[in-house]
Amino acid sequence: SVYLRADVELGGTDQLFNLNVGRDIMPSLGVEAQVVMTTPLLVGLDGIEKMSKSTDNYVGITEPPNEMFGKLMSISDELMWDYYKLLTDMSIEEIDALKTKAASGELHPKQAKVDLATRIITDFHSAEDARTAAEEFERRFVQKALPSELHERVIALGDEGVRLTVVMLRCGFADSNAAATRLIDQGSVRIDDERVVDKWHVIPSDTGPFVLQVGKRKVVRIRPEPR
């Protein structure tokens, strides 16, 4: 602050102490004290910690529209209004009007969240991308359909088949065998839309192509490698 002879220093509310230290030091070194301005912190998807990559509760601005849309739809109804204030150019009066409509039942919170996600994705991608992402979200999570663009992986099943947990690891759907097992125990794994509950489940060697789904967002078509 002294070196730059700063007039104003801007930071998050968590930096208020540091900003004020600079302001306090400046006059003793013959520099006019800077003005300190703080902005609210953007809370992450978990609704607890500030948004950051280290806590994996973030929406990346370069992520695909569909990924951004899904993440934004996962935030709580309460947190949504903070996102409106910090991430859109709507006025406080406009946002308060939306909150009133939601509270009265005139506007469903889900629709308000769809509108929020649409605004954000339009800013970072385009209006067309936002519309397509909204349609894809409706198709997948409301109509329970598979993604319109389903990625494929070719995996060797061997002569005796291969355990499901191994397939999950090869697809990047789990970081370890223990993590894959936990996902199966939690009921988060489906094969061709049928939930798998056996952690020892083996994919037979003569299996044809099938769809593997882990959680709501991880879906891939597995195509066995020709033998």
Protein backbone atom coordinates (compact mmCIF):
# COMPACT_ATOMS: atom_id res chain seq x y z
CA SER A 1 0.00 0.00 0.00
CA VAL A 2 2.85 2.40 0.83
CA TYR A 3 4.88 1.54 -2.25
CA LEU A 4 1.91 1.94 -4.59
CA ARG A 5 0.62 4.99 -2.71
CA ALA A 6 -2.80 3.38 -3.06
CA ASP A 7 -5.89 5.55 -2.90
CA VAL A 8 -8.27 2.61 -2.59
CA GLU A 9 -7.70 -1.06 -1.80
CA LEU A 10 -10.42 -3.57 -2.59
CA GLY A 11 -10.73 -7.05 -1.08
CA GLY A 12 -13.06 -9.67 0.30
CA THR A 13 -14.50 -9.30 3.78
CA ASP A 14 -12.04 -11.95 5.01
CA GLN A 15 -9.18 -9.54 4.16
CA LEU A 16 -10.51 -6.59 6.21
CA PHE A 17 -7.81 -6.88 8.88
CA ASN A 18 -4.98 -6.94 6.32
CA LEU A 19 -6.43 -4.02 4.40
CA ASN A 20 -6.71 -1.95 7.54
CA VAL A 21 -3.12 -2.73 8.56
CA GLY A 22 -2.00 -1.10 5.33
CA ARG A 23 -4.28 1.86 6.01
CA ASP A 24 -2.86 2.26 9.54
CA ILE A 25 0.79 2.09 8.44
CA MET A 26 0.56 4.58 5.59
CA PRO A 27 0.34 7.88 7.57
CA SER A 28 3.41 7.02 9.66
CA LEU A 29 5.39 6.81 6.43
CA GLY A 30 4.12 10.08 5.04
CA VAL A 31 1.48 8.63 2.73
CA GLU A 32 -2.22 9.47 2.90
CA ALA A 33 -4.23 6.57 4.29
CA GLN A 34 -6.01 4.53 1.66
CA VAL A 35 -9.74 3.97 1.54
CA VAL A 36 -10.65 0.35 2.28
CA MET A 37 -13.54 -1.31 0.46
CA THR A 38 -14.66 -4.91 0.95
CA THR A 39 -16.98 -7.18 -0.99
CA PRO A 40 -19.02 -10.12 0.33
CA LEU A 41 -17.51 -13.56 -0.15
CA LEU A 42 -19.09 -15.93 -2.64
CA VAL A 43 -20.08 -19.03 -0.69
CA GLY A 44 -19.48 -22.27 -2.54
CA LEU A 45 -21.89 -24.98 -3.61
CA ASP A 46 -21.76 -26.59 -0.15
CA GLY A 47 -23.33 -23.48 1.36
CA ILE A 48 -20.64 -23.29 4.04
CA GLU A 49 -17.13 -22.46 2.84
CA LYS A 50 -16.19 -19.69 0.42
CA MET A 51 -16.03 -20.87 -3.16
CA SER A 52 -12.60 -22.25 -3.99
CA LYS A 53 -10.98 -24.96 -6.03
CA SER A 54 -9.23 -26.43 -2.98
CA THR A 55 -12.56 -27.29 -1.34
CA ASP A 56 -14.07 -28.51 -4.63
CA ASN A 57 -17.22 -26.43 -4.08
CA TYR A 58 -16.80 -24.21 -7.11
CA VAL A 59 -18.21 -23.54 -10.56
CA GLY A 60 -15.35 -23.10 -13.02
CA ILE A 61 -15.88 -20.27 -15.50
CA THR A 62 -14.37 -22.38 -18.30
CA GLU A 63 -16.41 -25.49 -17.52
CA PRO A 64 -18.88 -26.75 -20.16
CA PRO A 65 -22.36 -25.16 -19.97
CA ASN A 66 -24.03 -28.43 -18.96
CA GLU A 67 -21.61 -28.87 -16.05
CA MET A 68 -22.08 -25.29 -14.90
CA PHE A 69 -25.86 -25.59 -15.12
CA GLY A 70 -25.96 -28.78 -13.07
CA LYS A 71 -23.74 -27.32 -10.36
CA LEU A 72 -25.75 -24.11 -10.10
CA MET A 73 -29.00 -26.06 -9.82
CA SER A 74 -27.54 -27.91 -6.82
CA ILE A 75 -27.28 -24.85 -4.57
CA SER A 76 -29.85 -24.26 -1.84
CA ASP A 77 -32.84 -21.99 -2.36
CA GLU A 78 -31.50 -19.64 0.32
CA LEU A 79 -28.01 -19.39 -1.18
CA MET A 80 -29.50 -18.70 -4.61
CA TRP A 81 -30.35 -15.12 -3.67
CA ASP A 82 -26.74 -14.35 -2.74
CA TYR A 83 -25.70 -15.65 -6.16
CA TYR A 84 -28.25 -13.34 -7.77
CA LYS A 85 -26.72 -10.38 -5.90
CA LEU A 86 -23.06 -11.23 -6.53
CA LEU A 87 -23.14 -12.85 -9.97
CA THR A 88 -25.78 -10.98 -11.98
CA ASP A 89 -26.31 -7.34 -12.93
CA MET A 90 -29.85 -7.29 -11.53
CA SER A 91 -30.61 -4.52 -9.05
CA ILE A 92 -31.35 -5.24 -5.40
CA GLU A 93 -34.92 -4.05 -6.03
CA GLU A 94 -35.37 -6.55 -8.86
CA ILE A 95 -33.95 -9.39 -6.77
CA ASP A 96 -36.15 -8.50 -3.80
CA ALA A 97 -39.16 -8.56 -6.13
CA LEU A 98 -38.20 -12.10 -7.23
CA LYS A 99 -37.83 -13.18 -3.59
CA THR A 100 -41.30 -11.83 -2.83
CA LYS A 101 -42.77 -13.76 -5.77
CA ALA A 102 -41.03 -16.94 -4.62
CA ALA A 103 -42.24 -16.49 -1.04
CA SER A 104 -45.83 -15.98 -2.20
CA GLY A 105 -45.77 -19.02 -4.47
CA GLU A 106 -46.09 -16.95 -7.63
CA LEU A 107 -42.59 -18.02 -8.70
CA HIS A 108 -41.30 -21.54 -8.03
CA PRO A 109 -37.77 -21.54 -6.52
CA LYS A 110 -36.69 -24.09 -9.13
CA GLN A 111 -37.64 -21.72 -11.93
CA ALA A 112 -35.79 -18.88 -10.19
CA LYS A 113 -32.72 -21.11 -10.04
CA VAL A 114 -33.07 -22.03 -13.72
CA ASP A 115 -33.22 -18.32 -14.55
CA LEU A 116 -30.11 -17.70 -12.43
CA ALA A 117 -28.13 -20.48 -14.10
CA THR A 118 -29.27 -19.22 -17.51
CA ARG A 119 -28.02 -15.70 -16.76
CA ILE A 120 -24.62 -16.90 -15.54
CA ILE A 121 -24.02 -19.29 -18.43
CA THR A 122 -25.08 -16.61 -20.91
CA ASP A 123 -22.38 -14.33 -19.45
CA PHE A 124 -19.60 -16.92 -19.73
CA HIS A 125 -20.75 -18.79 -22.85
CA SER A 126 -23.82 -17.65 -24.81
CA ALA A 127 -27.60 -17.45 -24.64
CA GLU A 128 -27.86 -20.45 -26.97
CA ASP A 129 -25.54 -22.51 -24.76
CA ALA A 130 -27.62 -21.56 -21.72
CA ARG A 131 -30.87 -22.60 -23.44
CA THR A 132 -29.38 -25.93 -24.52
CA ALA A 133 -28.01 -26.58 -21.03
CA ALA A 134 -31.43 -25.88 -19.50
CA GLU A 135 -33.09 -28.30 -21.91
CA GLU A 136 -30.47 -30.96 -21.21
CA PHE A 137 -30.92 -30.56 -17.45
CA GLU A 138 -34.69 -30.95 -17.83
CA ARG A 139 -34.22 -34.04 -19.98
CA ARG A 140 -31.74 -35.74 -17.67
CA PHE A 141 -32.83 -34.83 -14.16
CA VAL A 142 -36.57 -34.27 -14.53
CA GLN A 143 -37.43 -36.73 -17.30
CA LYS A 144 -34.66 -39.12 -16.07
CA ALA A 145 -33.31 -39.61 -19.60
CA LEU A 146 -29.71 -40.29 -20.58
CA PRO A 147 -27.48 -37.43 -21.77
CA SER A 148 -28.06 -36.47 -25.40
CA GLU A 149 -24.30 -36.82 -26.00
CA LEU A 150 -23.16 -40.01 -24.28
CA HIS A 151 -19.40 -40.55 -24.11
CA GLU A 152 -18.07 -44.02 -24.79
CA ARG A 153 -15.20 -46.00 -23.28
CA VAL A 154 -13.77 -49.22 -24.66
CA ILE A 155 -12.69 -51.54 -21.85
CA ALA A 156 -11.24 -55.04 -21.96
CA LEU A 157 -13.28 -57.51 -19.90
CA GLY A 158 -10.83 -60.42 -20.17
CA ASP A 159 -11.72 -64.08 -20.22
CA GLU A 160 -13.22 -64.14 -16.73
CA GLY A 161 -14.88 -60.75 -16.71
CA VAL A 162 -13.89 -57.80 -14.55
CA ARG A 163 -15.17 -56.38 -11.27
CA LEU A 164 -17.44 -53.36 -11.48
CA THR A 165 -15.18 -51.40 -9.12
CA VAL A 166 -12.31 -51.85 -11.58
CA VAL A 167 -14.45 -50.54 -14.44
CA MET A 168 -15.37 -47.52 -12.32
CA LEU A 169 -11.67 -46.83 -11.69
CA ARG A 170 -10.81 -47.12 -15.38
CA CYS A 171 -13.58 -44.65 -16.24
CA GLY A 172 -12.36 -42.17 -13.64
CA PHE A 173 -15.63 -42.46 -11.68
CA ALA A 174 -13.75 -43.28 -8.45
CA ASP A 175 -10.29 -42.52 -7.11
CA SER A 176 -9.73 -45.88 -5.42
CA ASN A 177 -11.25 -49.33 -5.04
CA ALA A 178 -12.47 -48.34 -1.57
CA ALA A 179 -14.17 -45.22 -2.97
CA ALA A 180 -15.83 -47.28 -5.72
CA THR A 181 -17.08 -49.77 -3.13
CA ARG A 182 -18.55 -46.95 -1.02
CA LEU A 183 -20.44 -45.60 -4.03
CA ILE A 184 -21.96 -49.05 -4.63
CA ASP A 185 -22.87 -49.39 -0.94
CA GLN A 186 -24.56 -45.97 -1.10
CA GLY A 187 -26.71 -47.08 -4.02
CA SER A 188 -25.13 -44.56 -6.39
CA VAL A 189 -24.18 -47.01 -9.17
CA ARG A 190 -26.44 -48.19 -11.99
CA ILE A 191 -25.94 -50.41 -15.02
CA ASP A 192 -28.50 -49.85 -17.78
CA ASP A 193 -30.60 -47.95 -15.21
CA GLU A 194 -30.60 -50.90 -12.77
CA ARG A 195 -29.08 -50.15 -9.36
CA VAL A 196 -26.15 -52.41 -8.42
CA VAL A 197 -25.91 -53.23 -4.70
CA ASP A 198 -23.33 -56.02 -4.79
CA LYS A 199 -19.85 -54.58 -4.23
CA TRP A 200 -18.37 -57.79 -5.65
CA HIS A 201 -20.37 -57.51 -8.87
CA VAL A 202 -18.47 -58.80 -11.91
CA ILE A 203 -19.11 -57.73 -15.50
CA PRO A 204 -19.16 -61.04 -17.47
CA SER A 205 -16.72 -61.45 -20.34
CA ASP A 206 -19.53 -61.92 -22.88
CA THR A 207 -21.35 -58.71 -21.90
CA GLY A 208 -22.45 -56.41 -24.71
CA PRO A 209 -22.37 -52.58 -24.60
CA PHE A 210 -23.96 -51.12 -21.46
CA VAL A 211 -24.46 -47.75 -19.78
CA LEU A 212 -22.69 -47.14 -16.48
CA GLN A 213 -23.98 -44.34 -14.28
CA VAL A 214 -22.47 -43.15 -11.00
CA GLY A 215 -24.44 -40.50 -9.17
CA LYS A 216 -26.42 -38.01 -11.21
CA ARG A 217 -23.75 -36.60 -13.51
CA LYS A 218 -21.27 -39.37 -14.30
CA VAL A 219 -22.58 -41.43 -17.20
CA VAL A 220 -20.72 -43.36 -19.89
CA ARG A 221 -21.46 -46.11 -22.42
CA ILE A 222 -19.04 -48.98 -21.96
CA ARG A 223 -18.17 -50.89 -25.10
CA PRO A 224 -16.28 -54.12 -24.39
CA GLU A 225 -13.03 -54.46 -26.29
CA PRO A 226 -13.33 -57.10 -29.04
CA ARG A 227 -11.47 -60.28 -28.14
